[in-house]
Amino acid sequence: MAKTKIDWCDYTWNPVWGCLNNCSFCYARKIAKRFAENMTIKEFDYLEKSFARPKYFHINSIILYDKYDFYNSLDKFLPTFIVSNFEKNFPKKPSRIFVNSMSEIYFWEKEWMELVLEKIKKYPQHIFMFLTKFPQVYKKYNFPKNCWLGITITNMNINCNADNGLLDFGEIKNNVKFISFEPLLDFNFFDFISCCMIIKPDWIIIGAQTNPYKPPKREWVEKIIETAKKQNIPIFLKDNLYRAYPDLPVLKEFPEIKINN
C-alpha cells in the first residue's frame, strides 16, 4: 500500500504488475523495468520470512517463484502476481484505493482476481478503483459495491465500440462506472456522445500524457466538460492538465457513492 501522486485516489495497491498491451506511452512498464531487481529482492525476502511460498505457489503458473523467472517476468512486464504487495495492510481511515496502476486486469489470471475480490469484501469502508481498456472483463466477476469500475479511453475510434465491451459495461448497475481520458490521443465528439449513452458514466476523469508530456487539445477538454455538465456527470481534471491550460476551471468532483444492490 502506497500513498500516491495520482490526485483522484489516496493510495495505490498493486497485487499484480504487468500488461500485454505494449502501449508506447506506458509509465508502468518503465517503472517495472527500473525496479524489477528491487521488487524481486523484496518479494523473495518476504516469502522466506513469512513462509508464504507454499500458500501461493499454485497461483502463479508463469513464474513458479524462481528468482530469475520472477525478475524476468517483471522486467518484461508480463502479468505477475506479487505476494508481498497483495498482503499489504490497508489504512484504517476510509480511503480511495486504486487497485491496478501497474497492470491491466484483462490479463490477470482468474484466481488472482478472485483473491483480490475476497480481500476487498473484508474492507467495505474503502473504495477500490479499477481501470481497464477492456470493460468486458467486468462481466466475468462479481464486484462488491464498494468497487468503482473504470474504462480508460485514449482513442475514441479504437476504444469506443461495441466490440470492446462497452455494451456489457453499460449494463453494470451496482457499481460506480467511470471513464478516464488519460492520455486522450484522439477525440470524436459523436463517438463520445455514443459512449455516454451506452455507458451512462457516473464520473469522468481527464488528464494529460505524462512522459513525454502531451496534453489533449483544449477544445476536446472543453467539449467533454460541456457535455458532462449538461448530463450532471461529475468531472475531475487532473493537475497535469493545468500545466498546459492554467485557466481551465478547477474541477475536482467525485461521484455519489451507490449504496443499493
Protein backbone atom coordinates (compact mmCIF):
# COMPACT_ATOMS: atom_id res chain seq x y z
CA MET A 1 0.00 0.00 0.00
CA ALA A 2 1.49 3.30 -1.04
CA LYS A 3 0.47 6.93 -0.87
CA THR A 4 0.24 8.19 -4.41
CA LYS A 5 0.66 11.28 -6.53
CA ILE A 6 -2.39 10.23 -8.55
CA ASP A 7 -4.71 13.01 -7.48
CA TRP A 8 -8.05 11.20 -7.80
CA CYS A 9 -7.18 8.47 -5.27
CA ASP A 10 -5.47 8.24 -1.88
CA TYR A 11 -3.44 5.05 -2.28
CA THR A 12 -2.35 2.55 -4.89
CA TRP A 13 -2.41 -1.19 -4.30
CA ASN A 14 -0.75 -3.34 -6.93
CA PRO A 15 -1.01 -7.08 -6.21
CA VAL A 16 -0.23 -7.62 -9.90
CA TRP A 17 2.29 -5.96 -12.20
CA GLY A 18 2.25 -6.37 -15.95
CA CYS A 19 0.32 -5.90 -19.17
CA LEU A 20 0.38 -7.30 -22.71
CA ASN A 21 -0.85 -4.15 -24.48
CA ASN A 22 2.61 -2.70 -25.11
CA CYS A 23 1.40 0.93 -25.27
CA SER A 24 4.23 3.26 -26.26
CA PHE A 25 3.32 5.82 -23.56
CA CYS A 26 3.04 3.34 -20.66
CA TYR A 27 4.59 4.73 -17.46
CA ALA A 28 4.07 1.45 -15.58
CA ARG A 29 6.28 -0.56 -17.94
CA LYS A 30 9.13 1.91 -17.34
CA ILE A 31 8.65 1.67 -13.56
CA ALA A 32 8.63 -2.14 -13.67
CA LYS A 33 11.84 -2.28 -15.68
CA ARG A 34 13.52 0.19 -13.34
CA PHE A 35 12.50 -1.57 -10.13
CA ALA A 36 12.38 -5.23 -11.24
CA GLU A 37 15.52 -6.14 -9.29
CA ASN A 38 14.45 -4.34 -6.10
CA MET A 39 10.99 -5.90 -6.25
CA THR A 40 12.48 -9.36 -6.76
CA ILE A 41 14.67 -8.97 -3.67
CA LYS A 42 11.71 -7.66 -1.66
CA GLU A 43 9.38 -10.45 -2.79
CA PHE A 44 11.71 -13.33 -2.01
CA ASP A 45 12.75 -11.84 1.29
CA TYR A 46 9.06 -11.61 2.20
CA LEU A 47 8.35 -15.17 1.08
CA GLU A 48 11.22 -16.54 3.12
CA LYS A 49 10.38 -14.60 6.28
CA SER A 50 6.63 -15.18 6.18
CA PHE A 51 6.66 -18.78 4.96
CA ALA A 52 4.18 -17.64 2.32
CA ARG A 53 5.70 -19.54 -0.57
CA PRO A 54 3.72 -22.81 -0.14
CA LYS A 55 0.45 -20.92 0.27
CA TYR A 56 0.81 -19.04 -3.02
CA PHE A 57 2.93 -21.40 -5.07
CA HIS A 58 -0.02 -22.68 -7.11
CA ILE A 59 -1.45 -19.31 -8.14
CA ASN A 60 1.30 -18.22 -10.49
CA SER A 61 1.88 -20.67 -13.31
CA ILE A 62 4.11 -18.18 -15.13
CA ILE A 63 6.95 -17.61 -12.67
CA LEU A 64 6.68 -20.54 -10.21
CA TYR A 65 8.62 -18.41 -7.74
CA ASP A 66 12.07 -18.88 -9.16
CA LYS A 67 14.06 -15.68 -8.60
CA TYR A 68 15.34 -15.45 -12.14
CA ASP A 69 11.92 -16.14 -13.68
CA PHE A 70 10.26 -13.65 -11.34
CA TYR A 71 12.76 -10.92 -12.22
CA ASN A 72 12.49 -11.71 -15.91
CA SER A 73 8.70 -11.55 -15.75
CA LEU A 74 8.77 -8.10 -14.13
CA ASP A 75 11.48 -6.84 -16.46
CA LYS A 76 9.44 -7.84 -19.50
CA PHE A 77 6.27 -6.50 -17.86
CA LEU A 78 4.46 -9.81 -18.05
CA PRO A 79 1.42 -10.15 -15.75
CA THR A 80 2.91 -11.22 -12.41
CA PHE A 81 1.26 -11.79 -9.03
CA ILE A 82 3.24 -10.21 -6.17
CA VAL A 83 2.52 -11.78 -2.80
CA SER A 84 4.26 -9.09 -0.74
CA ASN A 85 2.05 -6.44 -2.38
CA PHE A 86 -1.13 -8.49 -2.10
CA GLU A 87 -0.72 -8.98 1.65
CA LYS A 88 -0.10 -5.33 2.48
CA ASN A 89 -2.34 -3.84 5.16
CA PHE A 90 -4.97 -1.27 4.28
CA PRO A 91 -5.29 2.05 6.13
CA LYS A 92 -7.88 2.28 8.91
CA LYS A 93 -9.32 5.54 7.62
CA PRO A 94 -11.82 5.15 4.72
CA SER A 95 -9.83 5.76 1.55
CA ARG A 96 -9.96 5.61 -2.23
CA ILE A 97 -7.60 2.84 -3.32
CA PHE A 98 -6.57 2.36 -6.96
CA VAL A 99 -6.02 -1.37 -7.38
CA ASN A 100 -4.14 -1.67 -10.67
CA SER A 101 -1.98 1.30 -11.55
CA MET A 102 0.74 -1.20 -12.56
CA SER A 103 -1.29 -3.70 -14.57
CA GLU A 104 -4.15 -4.37 -16.95
CA ILE A 105 -6.77 -6.53 -15.20
CA TYR A 106 -7.88 -8.02 -18.52
CA PHE A 107 -4.69 -10.10 -18.47
CA TRP A 108 -4.94 -11.23 -14.84
CA GLU A 109 -5.36 -14.89 -14.05
CA LYS A 110 -8.88 -15.61 -12.76
CA GLU A 111 -7.51 -16.82 -9.45
CA TRP A 112 -5.67 -13.54 -8.89
CA MET A 113 -8.87 -11.53 -9.27
CA GLU A 114 -10.78 -13.89 -7.00
CA LEU A 115 -8.16 -13.45 -4.26
CA VAL A 116 -8.28 -9.67 -4.64
CA LEU A 117 -12.08 -9.51 -4.51
CA GLU A 118 -12.22 -11.76 -1.46
CA LYS A 119 -9.87 -9.39 0.35
CA ILE A 120 -11.85 -6.34 -0.78
CA LYS A 121 -15.04 -7.80 0.73
CA LYS A 122 -13.40 -7.60 4.17
CA TYR A 123 -12.91 -3.81 3.87
CA PRO A 124 -16.28 -2.24 3.00
CA GLN A 125 -15.17 1.12 4.42
CA HIS A 126 -12.82 1.67 1.47
CA ILE A 127 -13.48 2.42 -2.20
CA PHE A 128 -11.48 0.21 -4.55
CA MET A 129 -10.98 1.62 -8.03
CA PHE A 130 -10.20 -0.41 -11.15
CA LEU A 131 -9.28 0.68 -14.68
CA THR A 132 -9.14 -1.30 -17.92
CA LYS A 133 -9.19 -0.77 -21.67
CA PHE A 134 -11.30 -3.94 -21.96
CA PRO A 135 -14.52 -3.34 -19.97
CA GLN A 136 -15.92 -6.76 -20.91
CA VAL A 137 -13.68 -8.13 -18.13
CA TYR A 138 -16.06 -6.65 -15.54
CA LYS A 139 -18.77 -9.13 -16.56
CA LYS A 140 -16.57 -12.08 -15.54
CA TYR A 141 -16.60 -11.30 -11.81
CA ASN A 142 -18.95 -10.26 -9.03
CA PHE A 143 -17.52 -6.96 -7.84
CA PRO A 144 -18.57 -5.74 -4.38
CA LYS A 145 -20.49 -2.48 -4.40
CA ASN A 146 -17.51 -0.58 -2.94
CA CYS A 147 -15.63 -1.18 -6.22
CA TRP A 148 -15.62 1.64 -8.77
CA LEU A 149 -15.18 0.27 -12.28
CA GLY A 150 -13.47 2.42 -14.88
CA ILE A 151 -12.56 2.28 -18.55
CA THR A 152 -9.53 4.05 -19.98
CA ILE A 153 -10.23 5.69 -23.33
CA THR A 154 -7.23 7.04 -25.22
CA ASN A 155 -8.52 6.80 -28.78
CA MET A 156 -12.21 7.28 -29.48
CA ASN A 157 -12.12 5.27 -32.70
CA ILE A 158 -10.46 2.26 -31.05
CA ASN A 159 -11.93 2.27 -27.55
CA CYS A 160 -15.49 3.42 -28.20
CA ASN A 161 -17.04 0.48 -29.97
CA ALA A 162 -19.32 -2.39 -29.04
CA ASP A 163 -16.65 -4.97 -29.84
CA ASN A 164 -14.61 -3.61 -26.94
CA GLY A 165 -17.29 -4.48 -24.42
CA LEU A 166 -18.91 -1.07 -23.96
CA LEU A 167 -22.42 -2.52 -24.21
CA ASP A 168 -21.73 -5.01 -21.43
CA PHE A 169 -20.11 -2.30 -19.33
CA GLY A 170 -23.22 -0.16 -19.67
CA GLU A 171 -25.32 -2.95 -18.12
CA ILE A 172 -23.48 -2.73 -14.78
CA LYS A 173 -25.95 -1.41 -12.20
CA ASN A 174 -24.49 -1.74 -8.71
CA ASN A 175 -21.09 -0.09 -9.05
CA VAL A 176 -19.93 3.41 -9.85
CA LYS A 177 -18.82 3.45 -13.50
CA PHE A 178 -16.31 5.96 -14.78
CA ILE A 179 -14.30 6.95 -17.84
CA SER A 180 -10.68 8.03 -17.62
CA PHE A 181 -9.47 10.04 -20.60
CA GLU A 182 -5.74 9.79 -19.93
CA PRO A 183 -3.92 10.19 -22.16
CA LEU A 184 -6.54 11.33 -24.68
CA LEU A 185 -4.77 11.00 -28.03
CA ASP A 186 -7.76 11.27 -30.33
CA PHE A 187 -11.26 12.67 -29.88
CA ASN A 188 -14.52 12.49 -31.82
CA PHE A 189 -17.49 14.26 -30.32
CA PHE A 190 -20.12 11.93 -31.77
CA ASP A 191 -18.24 8.84 -30.54
CA PHE A 192 -18.06 10.47 -27.12
CA ILE A 193 -21.82 11.08 -27.06
CA SER A 194 -22.36 7.47 -28.12
CA CYS A 195 -20.09 6.26 -25.30
CA CYS A 196 -22.00 8.30 -22.75
CA MET A 197 -25.34 6.97 -23.99
CA ILE A 198 -24.12 3.36 -23.70
CA ILE A 199 -22.09 3.59 -20.51
CA LYS A 200 -24.01 6.31 -18.65
CA PRO A 201 -20.89 7.08 -16.61
CA ASP A 202 -21.12 8.31 -13.03
CA TRP A 203 -17.78 10.12 -13.29
CA ILE A 204 -15.26 11.37 -15.86
CA ILE A 205 -11.52 11.95 -15.38
CA ILE A 206 -9.39 13.90 -17.87
CA GLY A 207 -5.61 14.04 -17.78
CA ALA A 208 -2.52 14.61 -19.91
CA GLN A 209 0.09 12.13 -21.07
CA THR A 210 2.93 12.50 -18.59
CA ASN A 211 6.09 11.03 -20.11
CA PRO A 212 6.66 12.60 -22.56
CA TYR A 213 4.23 15.35 -21.59
CA LYS A 214 1.43 15.71 -24.12
CA PRO A 215 -1.87 17.33 -23.14
CA PRO A 216 -5.07 16.71 -25.10
CA LYS A 217 -6.30 19.55 -27.28
CA ARG A 218 -8.07 22.22 -25.27
CA GLU A 219 -11.20 22.04 -27.40
CA TRP A 220 -11.50 18.32 -26.62
CA VAL A 221 -11.35 19.00 -22.90
CA GLU A 222 -13.88 21.82 -23.13
CA LYS A 223 -16.29 19.72 -25.19
CA ILE A 224 -16.15 16.86 -22.67
CA ILE A 225 -16.72 19.27 -19.77
CA GLU A 226 -19.64 20.94 -21.55
CA THR A 227 -21.33 17.64 -22.35
CA ALA A 228 -20.75 16.20 -18.88
CA LYS A 229 -22.19 19.29 -17.22
CA LYS A 230 -25.35 19.00 -19.32
CA GLN A 231 -25.74 15.41 -18.13
CA ASN A 232 -24.82 16.17 -14.49
CA ILE A 233 -21.76 13.94 -14.66
CA PRO A 234 -19.06 15.00 -12.15
CA ILE A 235 -15.69 15.86 -13.69
CA PHE A 236 -12.18 15.51 -12.29
CA LEU A 237 -9.45 17.41 -14.13
CA LYS A 238 -6.02 16.13 -13.21
CA ASP A 239 -3.38 18.59 -12.08
CA ASN A 240 -1.21 17.82 -15.10
CA LEU A 241 -3.82 19.46 -17.40
CA TYR A 242 -3.28 22.84 -15.76
CA ARG A 243 0.36 22.82 -16.81
CA ALA A 244 -0.83 23.37 -20.38
CA TYR A 245 -4.09 25.19 -19.65
CA PRO A 246 -3.76 27.05 -16.32
CA ASP A 247 -7.01 28.97 -16.85
CA LEU A 248 -9.21 25.89 -17.09
CA PRO A 249 -11.87 25.76 -14.36
CA VAL A 250 -10.80 23.91 -11.23
CA LEU A 251 -12.87 20.75 -11.30
CA LYS A 252 -12.13 18.10 -8.65
CA GLU A 253 -15.53 16.48 -8.40
CA PHE A 254 -16.38 12.95 -7.27
CA PRO A 255 -19.48 10.84 -7.85
CA GLU A 256 -22.00 9.95 -5.22
CA ILE A 257 -21.48 6.51 -3.77
CA LYS A 258 -24.02 3.92 -4.86
CA ILE A 259 -25.34 2.06 -1.85
CA ASN A 260 -28.15 -0.07 -3.29
CA ASN A 261 -27.70 -3.57 -4.68
